[in-house]
N, C-alpha and C. Protein backbone atom coordinates (compact mmCIF):
# COMPACT_ATOMS: atom_id res chain seq x y z
N MET A 1 118.49 90.28 90.45
CA MET A 1 117.88 89.71 91.49
C MET A 1 116.43 89.38 91.25
N ASP A 2 115.84 90.28 90.48
CA ASP A 2 114.34 90.10 90.27
C ASP A 2 114.18 88.91 89.44
N GLN A 3 115.16 88.71 88.42
CA GLN A 3 115.08 87.49 87.53
C GLN A 3 115.17 86.14 88.25
N LEU A 4 115.98 86.27 89.38
CA LEU A 4 116.21 84.99 90.16
C LEU A 4 115.04 84.76 90.91
N ILE A 5 114.50 85.75 91.48
CA ILE A 5 113.20 85.63 92.26
C ILE A 5 112.09 85.02 91.52
N LEU A 6 111.93 85.69 90.29
CA LEU A 6 110.89 85.21 89.35
C LEU A 6 111.05 83.75 89.01
N ALA A 7 112.34 83.38 88.69
CA ALA A 7 112.58 82.01 88.26
C ALA A 7 112.31 81.08 89.43
N LEU A 8 112.59 81.46 90.67
CA LEU A 8 112.13 80.57 91.76
C LEU A 8 110.68 80.45 91.87
N LYS A 9 110.02 81.65 92.01
CA LYS A 9 108.58 81.62 92.36
C LYS A 9 107.72 81.07 91.12
N PHE A 10 107.94 81.48 89.90
CA PHE A 10 107.02 81.23 88.75
C PHE A 10 107.66 80.12 87.74
N GLY A 11 109.02 79.94 87.94
CA GLY A 11 109.60 78.88 87.00
C GLY A 11 109.89 77.77 87.73
N HIS A 12 109.54 77.60 89.06
CA HIS A 12 109.77 76.33 89.71
C HIS A 12 111.28 75.97 89.79
N ARG A 13 112.13 76.91 89.93
CA ARG A 13 113.56 76.70 90.05
C ARG A 13 114.03 76.69 91.49
N LEU A 14 113.61 75.58 92.21
CA LEU A 14 113.85 75.57 93.55
C LEU A 14 115.31 75.57 94.01
N ALA A 15 116.19 75.21 92.92
CA ALA A 15 117.61 75.20 93.21
C ALA A 15 118.20 76.68 93.42
N ILE A 16 117.33 77.69 93.16
CA ILE A 16 117.76 79.12 93.44
C ILE A 16 117.63 79.43 94.78
N ALA A 17 116.77 78.79 95.60
CA ALA A 17 116.49 79.13 96.90
C ALA A 17 117.68 79.18 97.72
N PRO A 18 118.47 78.06 97.84
CA PRO A 18 119.80 78.09 98.67
C PRO A 18 120.72 79.39 98.34
N LEU A 19 120.82 79.70 97.04
CA LEU A 19 121.55 80.83 96.58
C LEU A 19 121.03 82.14 97.31
N LEU A 20 119.70 82.33 97.19
CA LEU A 20 119.06 83.59 97.89
C LEU A 20 119.31 83.42 99.35
N ALA A 21 119.20 82.19 99.91
CA ALA A 21 119.34 82.20 101.41
C ALA A 21 120.91 82.48 101.72
N ARG A 22 121.88 82.12 100.89
CA ARG A 22 123.04 82.34 101.10
C ARG A 22 123.37 83.96 101.12
N LEU A 23 122.74 84.60 100.21
CA LEU A 23 122.87 86.10 99.95
C LEU A 23 122.32 86.78 101.25
N LEU A 24 121.21 86.29 101.65
CA LEU A 24 120.42 86.79 102.89
C LEU A 24 121.29 86.53 104.05
N HIS A 25 122.02 85.40 104.18
CA HIS A 25 122.80 85.08 105.26
C HIS A 25 123.96 86.03 105.41
N ASP A 26 124.64 86.27 104.10
CA ASP A 26 125.82 87.17 104.07
C ASP A 26 125.40 88.60 104.70
N ALA A 27 124.22 89.00 104.12
CA ALA A 27 123.73 90.32 104.57
C ALA A 27 123.48 90.39 106.15
N MET A 28 122.97 89.32 106.56
CA MET A 28 122.78 89.29 108.06
C MET A 28 124.07 89.38 108.82
N LEU A 29 125.10 88.76 108.32
CA LEU A 29 126.39 88.76 108.96
C LEU A 29 127.17 90.16 108.84
N GLN A 30 126.71 90.92 107.83
CA GLN A 30 127.43 92.22 107.72
C GLN A 30 126.81 93.17 108.60
N ARG A 31 125.55 92.93 109.18
CA ARG A 31 125.07 93.97 110.13
C ARG A 31 125.52 93.52 111.50
N GLN A 32 126.58 94.22 111.86
CA GLN A 32 127.20 93.91 113.25
C GLN A 32 126.31 94.55 114.36
N ASP A 33 125.57 95.46 114.16
CA ASP A 33 124.67 96.01 115.20
C ASP A 33 123.42 95.31 115.51
N ALA A 34 123.19 94.11 114.74
CA ALA A 34 121.91 93.38 114.95
C ALA A 34 122.10 92.12 115.49
N SER A 35 121.26 91.82 116.34
CA SER A 35 121.28 90.40 117.09
C SER A 35 120.52 89.42 116.25
N LEU A 36 120.95 88.31 116.22
CA LEU A 36 120.27 87.32 115.44
C LEU A 36 119.00 86.95 116.04
N PRO A 37 118.01 86.50 115.27
CA PRO A 37 116.51 86.00 115.89
C PRO A 37 116.78 84.78 116.56
N ASP A 38 115.86 84.37 117.47
CA ASP A 38 115.84 83.11 118.10
C ASP A 38 115.17 82.15 117.16
N ILE A 39 114.42 82.48 116.30
CA ILE A 39 113.58 81.47 115.48
C ILE A 39 113.21 82.33 114.13
N LEU A 40 113.34 81.53 113.11
CA LEU A 40 112.91 81.94 111.76
C LEU A 40 111.44 81.56 111.39
N ILE A 41 110.60 82.45 110.95
CA ILE A 41 109.33 82.08 110.48
C ILE A 41 109.13 82.46 109.11
N PRO A 42 108.93 81.55 108.14
CA PRO A 42 108.57 82.01 106.71
C PRO A 42 107.29 82.49 106.54
N VAL A 43 107.01 83.43 105.83
CA VAL A 43 105.80 84.00 105.51
C VAL A 43 104.91 82.99 104.89
N PRO A 44 103.71 82.67 105.42
CA PRO A 44 102.96 81.62 104.93
C PRO A 44 102.13 82.00 103.68
N LEU A 45 102.02 81.07 102.91
CA LEU A 45 101.09 81.24 101.64
C LEU A 45 99.75 80.86 101.84
N GLY A 46 98.69 81.30 101.21
CA GLY A 46 97.35 80.90 101.27
C GLY A 46 97.20 79.43 100.61
N GLN A 47 96.21 78.73 101.02
CA GLN A 47 96.06 77.31 100.43
C GLN A 47 95.99 77.18 99.01
N GLN A 48 95.31 78.19 98.31
CA GLN A 48 95.13 78.18 96.88
C GLN A 48 96.47 78.45 96.15
N ARG A 49 97.19 79.36 96.67
CA ARG A 49 98.44 79.68 96.00
C ARG A 49 99.55 78.63 96.28
N LEU A 50 99.42 78.00 97.38
CA LEU A 50 100.30 76.70 97.57
C LEU A 50 100.00 75.58 96.79
N ARG A 51 98.71 75.34 96.54
CA ARG A 51 98.43 74.41 95.58
C ARG A 51 98.86 74.65 94.17
N GLU A 52 98.64 75.87 93.74
CA GLU A 52 99.10 76.43 92.44
C GLU A 52 100.62 76.25 92.21
N ARG A 53 101.22 76.74 93.12
CA ARG A 53 102.73 76.88 92.96
C ARG A 53 103.45 75.48 93.39
N GLY A 54 102.76 74.85 94.31
CA GLY A 54 103.28 73.54 94.89
C GLY A 54 104.36 73.62 95.84
N PHE A 55 104.87 74.95 96.33
CA PHE A 55 105.79 75.17 97.32
C PHE A 55 105.59 76.61 97.78
N ASN A 56 106.22 76.84 99.01
CA ASN A 56 106.41 78.23 99.47
C ASN A 56 107.67 78.69 99.44
N GLN A 57 107.92 79.79 98.54
CA GLN A 57 109.26 80.29 98.25
C GLN A 57 109.84 80.76 99.52
N ALA A 58 109.12 81.36 100.43
CA ALA A 58 109.71 81.85 101.87
C ALA A 58 110.28 80.77 102.55
N LEU A 59 109.51 79.59 102.50
CA LEU A 59 109.92 78.37 103.38
C LEU A 59 111.25 77.89 102.66
N GLU A 60 111.27 77.81 101.31
CA GLU A 60 112.51 77.24 100.56
C GLU A 60 113.65 77.99 100.76
N ILE A 61 113.57 79.38 101.14
CA ILE A 61 114.72 80.21 101.38
C ILE A 61 114.90 80.12 102.91
N ALA A 62 114.01 79.90 103.72
CA ALA A 62 114.19 79.77 105.18
C ALA A 62 114.81 78.52 105.57
N ARG A 63 114.78 77.38 104.86
CA ARG A 63 115.29 76.21 105.20
C ARG A 63 116.93 76.29 105.24
N PRO A 64 117.42 76.60 104.04
CA PRO A 64 118.85 76.77 104.03
C PRO A 64 119.35 77.93 104.97
N LEU A 65 118.63 78.95 105.11
CA LEU A 65 118.98 80.01 105.98
C LEU A 65 119.13 79.46 107.37
N SER A 66 118.20 78.77 107.87
CA SER A 66 118.19 78.09 109.07
C SER A 66 119.34 77.17 109.34
N ARG A 67 119.78 76.34 108.45
CA ARG A 67 120.98 75.43 108.50
C ARG A 67 122.16 76.28 108.57
N ALA A 68 122.28 77.34 107.76
CA ALA A 68 123.46 78.19 107.69
C ALA A 68 123.73 79.03 109.13
N THR A 69 122.69 79.35 109.66
CA THR A 69 122.78 80.22 111.04
C THR A 69 122.69 79.45 112.11
N GLY A 70 122.05 78.17 112.07
CA GLY A 70 121.77 77.47 113.22
C GLY A 70 120.54 77.98 114.05
N ILE A 71 119.80 78.87 113.37
CA ILE A 71 118.60 79.35 114.03
C ILE A 71 117.46 78.45 113.76
N ALA A 72 116.62 78.08 114.82
CA ALA A 72 115.53 77.30 114.54
C ALA A 72 114.54 77.76 113.56
N LEU A 73 113.87 76.76 112.88
CA LEU A 73 112.95 77.11 111.86
C LEU A 73 111.58 76.69 112.31
N GLY A 74 110.72 77.64 112.45
CA GLY A 74 109.24 77.49 112.79
C GLY A 74 108.34 77.35 111.60
N ILE A 75 108.15 76.08 111.19
CA ILE A 75 107.22 75.93 110.03
C ILE A 75 105.81 76.02 110.22
N ARG A 76 105.23 75.44 111.25
CA ARG A 76 103.85 75.54 111.50
C ARG A 76 103.37 76.35 112.66
N LEU A 77 104.03 77.40 112.74
CA LEU A 77 103.70 78.30 113.97
C LEU A 77 102.78 79.46 113.62
N LEU A 78 102.76 79.92 112.37
CA LEU A 78 101.87 80.93 111.84
C LEU A 78 101.27 80.36 110.58
N GLU A 79 99.84 80.88 110.47
CA GLU A 79 99.16 80.45 109.34
C GLU A 79 98.40 81.45 108.59
N ARG A 80 98.05 81.37 107.50
CA ARG A 80 97.37 82.44 106.61
C ARG A 80 95.92 81.88 106.74
N THR A 81 94.91 82.77 107.18
CA THR A 81 93.66 82.35 107.45
C THR A 81 92.66 82.35 106.27
N ARG A 82 93.26 83.04 105.23
CA ARG A 82 92.40 83.18 104.00
C ARG A 82 93.34 83.57 102.82
N ASP A 83 92.87 83.02 101.60
CA ASP A 83 93.60 83.49 100.39
C ASP A 83 93.41 84.85 100.19
N THR A 84 94.51 85.62 99.72
CA THR A 84 94.50 87.10 99.49
C THR A 84 94.98 87.18 98.09
N ALA A 85 94.76 88.33 97.49
CA ALA A 85 95.25 88.59 96.17
C ALA A 85 96.68 88.93 96.26
N MET A 86 97.47 88.77 95.28
CA MET A 86 98.86 89.07 95.38
C MET A 86 99.07 90.48 95.48
N GLN A 87 99.90 90.87 96.60
CA GLN A 87 100.04 92.27 96.83
C GLN A 87 100.72 93.10 95.74
N ALA A 88 101.64 92.47 95.03
CA ALA A 88 102.38 93.29 93.98
C ALA A 88 101.33 93.59 92.85
N GLN A 89 100.29 92.85 92.80
CA GLN A 89 99.27 93.32 91.61
C GLN A 89 98.04 94.23 92.08
N LEU A 90 98.20 94.59 93.27
CA LEU A 90 97.19 95.66 93.81
C LEU A 90 97.75 97.06 94.03
N PRO A 91 96.87 98.04 93.71
CA PRO A 91 97.33 99.40 94.00
C PRO A 91 97.72 99.62 95.41
N LEU A 92 98.59 100.44 95.66
CA LEU A 92 99.16 100.52 97.08
C LEU A 92 98.06 100.85 98.11
N LYS A 93 96.94 101.53 97.73
CA LYS A 93 95.96 101.85 98.71
C LYS A 93 95.05 100.71 99.09
N GLU A 94 95.25 99.63 98.29
CA GLU A 94 94.39 98.37 98.54
C GLU A 94 95.14 97.25 99.33
N ARG A 95 96.45 97.48 99.39
CA ARG A 95 97.20 96.43 99.88
C ARG A 95 97.03 96.12 101.52
N HIS A 96 96.84 97.14 102.23
CA HIS A 96 96.70 96.98 103.70
C HIS A 96 95.31 96.14 103.89
N ARG A 97 94.26 96.74 103.25
CA ARG A 97 92.86 96.01 103.34
C ARG A 97 93.02 94.57 102.87
N ASN A 98 93.75 94.38 101.84
CA ASN A 98 93.84 92.89 101.36
C ASN A 98 94.41 91.95 102.28
N ILE A 99 95.48 92.37 103.14
CA ILE A 99 96.24 91.47 103.97
C ILE A 99 95.72 91.67 105.37
N ARG A 100 94.85 92.61 105.85
CA ARG A 100 94.62 92.78 107.21
C ARG A 100 93.78 91.53 107.79
N HIS A 101 94.22 91.14 108.97
CA HIS A 101 93.63 89.98 109.59
C HIS A 101 93.72 88.69 108.80
N ALA A 102 94.95 88.47 107.97
CA ALA A 102 95.02 87.34 107.20
C ALA A 102 96.00 86.26 107.85
N PHE A 103 96.53 86.60 109.01
CA PHE A 103 97.44 85.77 109.73
C PHE A 103 97.12 85.51 111.19
N VAL A 104 97.37 84.39 111.63
CA VAL A 104 97.22 84.05 113.06
C VAL A 104 98.16 82.94 113.43
N PRO A 105 98.62 82.98 114.75
CA PRO A 105 99.52 81.93 115.19
C PRO A 105 98.71 80.64 115.33
N THR A 106 99.31 79.50 115.20
CA THR A 106 98.80 78.28 115.48
C THR A 106 98.78 78.25 117.02
N ILE A 107 98.14 77.19 117.63
CA ILE A 107 98.20 76.96 119.01
C ILE A 107 99.59 76.90 119.61
N LYS A 108 100.49 76.14 118.91
CA LYS A 108 102.00 75.92 119.20
C LYS A 108 102.66 77.37 119.13
N GLY A 109 102.32 78.14 118.02
CA GLY A 109 102.97 79.38 117.80
C GLY A 109 102.61 80.31 118.95
N GLU A 110 101.30 80.40 119.50
CA GLU A 110 101.08 81.24 120.53
C GLU A 110 101.99 80.98 121.68
N GLN A 111 102.46 79.81 122.00
CA GLN A 111 103.39 79.55 123.14
C GLN A 111 104.84 80.01 122.70
N VAL A 112 105.18 79.66 121.49
CA VAL A 112 106.61 79.84 121.07
C VAL A 112 107.05 81.33 120.97
N PHE A 113 106.03 82.25 120.53
CA PHE A 113 106.42 83.59 120.26
C PHE A 113 106.72 84.44 121.42
N ARG A 114 106.18 83.99 122.62
CA ARG A 114 106.28 84.82 123.83
C ARG A 114 107.83 85.16 124.06
N ASN A 115 108.28 86.40 124.24
CA ASN A 115 109.62 86.79 124.82
C ASN A 115 110.57 86.36 123.83
N ARG A 116 110.30 86.20 122.44
CA ARG A 116 111.33 85.72 121.61
C ARG A 116 111.43 86.81 120.48
N HIS A 117 112.70 86.82 119.81
CA HIS A 117 113.04 87.70 118.69
C HIS A 117 112.72 86.65 117.57
N ILE A 118 111.85 87.20 116.68
CA ILE A 118 111.37 86.47 115.58
C ILE A 118 112.02 86.98 114.29
N GLY A 119 112.59 86.10 113.42
CA GLY A 119 113.14 86.58 112.07
C GLY A 119 112.02 86.10 111.21
N LEU A 120 111.32 87.05 110.45
CA LEU A 120 110.38 86.77 109.47
C LEU A 120 110.93 86.77 108.04
N VAL A 121 110.88 85.63 107.49
CA VAL A 121 111.62 85.37 106.13
C VAL A 121 110.69 85.46 104.93
N ASP A 122 110.98 86.18 103.91
CA ASP A 122 110.23 86.43 102.73
C ASP A 122 111.19 86.72 101.51
N ASP A 123 110.60 86.43 100.37
CA ASP A 123 111.54 86.81 99.17
C ASP A 123 111.61 88.28 98.85
N VAL A 124 110.45 88.90 98.82
CA VAL A 124 110.34 90.34 98.33
C VAL A 124 109.50 91.20 99.14
N CYS A 125 109.77 92.35 99.38
CA CYS A 125 108.93 93.31 100.20
C CYS A 125 108.54 94.17 99.12
N THR A 126 107.24 94.28 98.86
CA THR A 126 106.81 95.45 97.94
C THR A 126 106.43 96.63 98.65
N SER A 127 105.24 96.63 99.50
CA SER A 127 104.85 97.90 100.16
C SER A 127 105.14 97.67 101.68
N GLY A 128 105.58 96.53 102.16
CA GLY A 128 105.70 96.36 103.52
C GLY A 128 104.42 96.02 104.35
N ASN A 129 103.34 95.98 103.73
CA ASN A 129 102.09 95.68 104.41
C ASN A 129 102.05 94.20 104.99
N THR A 130 102.44 93.17 104.24
CA THR A 130 102.40 91.95 104.65
C THR A 130 103.28 91.70 105.83
N LEU A 131 104.54 92.23 105.82
CA LEU A 131 105.42 92.18 106.86
C LEU A 131 105.02 92.89 108.18
N ASN A 132 104.36 93.96 108.01
CA ASN A 132 103.82 94.83 109.06
C ASN A 132 102.76 94.21 109.65
N GLU A 133 101.86 93.58 108.98
CA GLU A 133 100.73 92.85 109.42
C GLU A 133 101.13 91.70 110.34
N ILE A 134 102.00 90.92 109.71
CA ILE A 134 102.55 89.70 110.62
C ILE A 134 103.29 90.26 111.78
N ALA A 135 104.09 91.21 111.70
CA ALA A 135 104.89 91.74 112.85
C ALA A 135 103.83 92.04 113.92
N GLY A 136 102.83 92.76 113.64
CA GLY A 136 101.84 93.06 114.50
C GLY A 136 101.19 91.84 115.24
N VAL A 137 101.00 90.82 114.54
CA VAL A 137 100.33 89.60 115.17
C VAL A 137 101.36 89.03 115.96
N LEU A 138 102.54 88.84 115.56
CA LEU A 138 103.68 88.27 116.32
C LEU A 138 103.80 89.10 117.86
N LYS A 139 103.83 90.30 117.64
CA LYS A 139 103.97 91.11 118.87
C LYS A 139 102.79 91.06 119.81
N ARG A 140 101.59 90.84 119.23
CA ARG A 140 100.34 90.78 120.01
C ARG A 140 100.51 89.44 120.85
N TYR A 141 101.14 88.53 120.38
CA TYR A 141 101.28 87.17 120.87
C TYR A 141 102.65 87.15 121.60
N GLY A 142 103.28 88.13 122.02
CA GLY A 142 104.34 88.16 122.92
C GLY A 142 105.65 88.29 122.42
N ALA A 143 105.85 88.43 121.13
CA ALA A 143 107.33 88.51 120.56
C ALA A 143 107.89 89.85 120.99
N THR A 144 109.08 89.96 121.40
CA THR A 144 109.73 91.06 121.85
C THR A 144 110.25 91.84 120.69
N ARG A 145 110.68 91.17 119.68
CA ARG A 145 111.34 91.87 118.53
C ARG A 145 110.93 91.03 117.20
N VAL A 146 110.71 91.78 116.18
CA VAL A 146 110.52 91.10 114.87
C VAL A 146 111.50 91.81 113.93
N THR A 147 112.38 90.78 113.27
CA THR A 147 113.20 91.47 112.26
C THR A 147 112.89 90.88 110.87
N ASN A 148 112.55 91.62 109.97
CA ASN A 148 112.25 91.19 108.50
C ASN A 148 113.41 90.80 107.88
N LEU A 149 113.48 89.63 107.43
CA LEU A 149 114.75 89.09 106.53
C LEU A 149 114.20 88.78 105.16
N ILE A 150 114.41 89.71 104.32
CA ILE A 150 113.87 89.69 102.92
C ILE A 150 115.02 89.64 101.95
N VAL A 151 114.85 89.00 100.77
CA VAL A 151 115.95 88.94 99.85
C VAL A 151 116.06 90.18 99.08
N ALA A 152 114.87 90.80 98.74
CA ALA A 152 114.85 92.04 97.87
C ALA A 152 113.60 92.88 98.08
N ARG A 153 113.81 94.12 97.85
CA ARG A 153 112.83 95.06 98.06
C ARG A 153 112.51 95.78 96.70
N THR A 154 111.25 95.99 96.31
CA THR A 154 110.96 96.53 95.08
C THR A 154 111.20 98.04 95.18
N PRO A 155 111.57 98.70 94.15
CA PRO A 155 111.83 100.09 94.23
C PRO A 155 110.58 100.86 94.72
N ALA A 156 110.82 102.01 95.26
CA ALA A 156 109.61 102.91 95.66
C ALA A 156 108.86 103.33 94.49
N GLN A 157 107.50 103.23 94.57
CA GLN A 157 106.65 103.53 93.54
C GLN A 157 106.23 105.00 93.56
């Protein structure tokens, strides 16, 4: 799994994203105790990283996941306010500080999140700090529930 994700993110192998979305979709369907989100939000990249990479891997996974599930995709509802260091390259103690206050809803997002179950889509969860930070923002703006939809989790360190 790690090789697939690395090939997508750093090898620009965008054709891998639908496969990862299918795996995530299958995992969602296996959870019979979980309700499906109302809307999918990909974790936004900072402008610098987006320019460097040329695409947002979370969005590339979220698009086919949205099509497969019929869940609406919210592309411009959440934004990253500043570029941050890559979480995976930081010591655990610095990750929360790195990502703190880095996300805000757009004007439209403020209206959409209220009373909704949001599915937050990302490729990898390292420490959970990014997902927790975004979930806090979404809940402050009225989301009733946030479900993290990630393809892989790094082993505990």
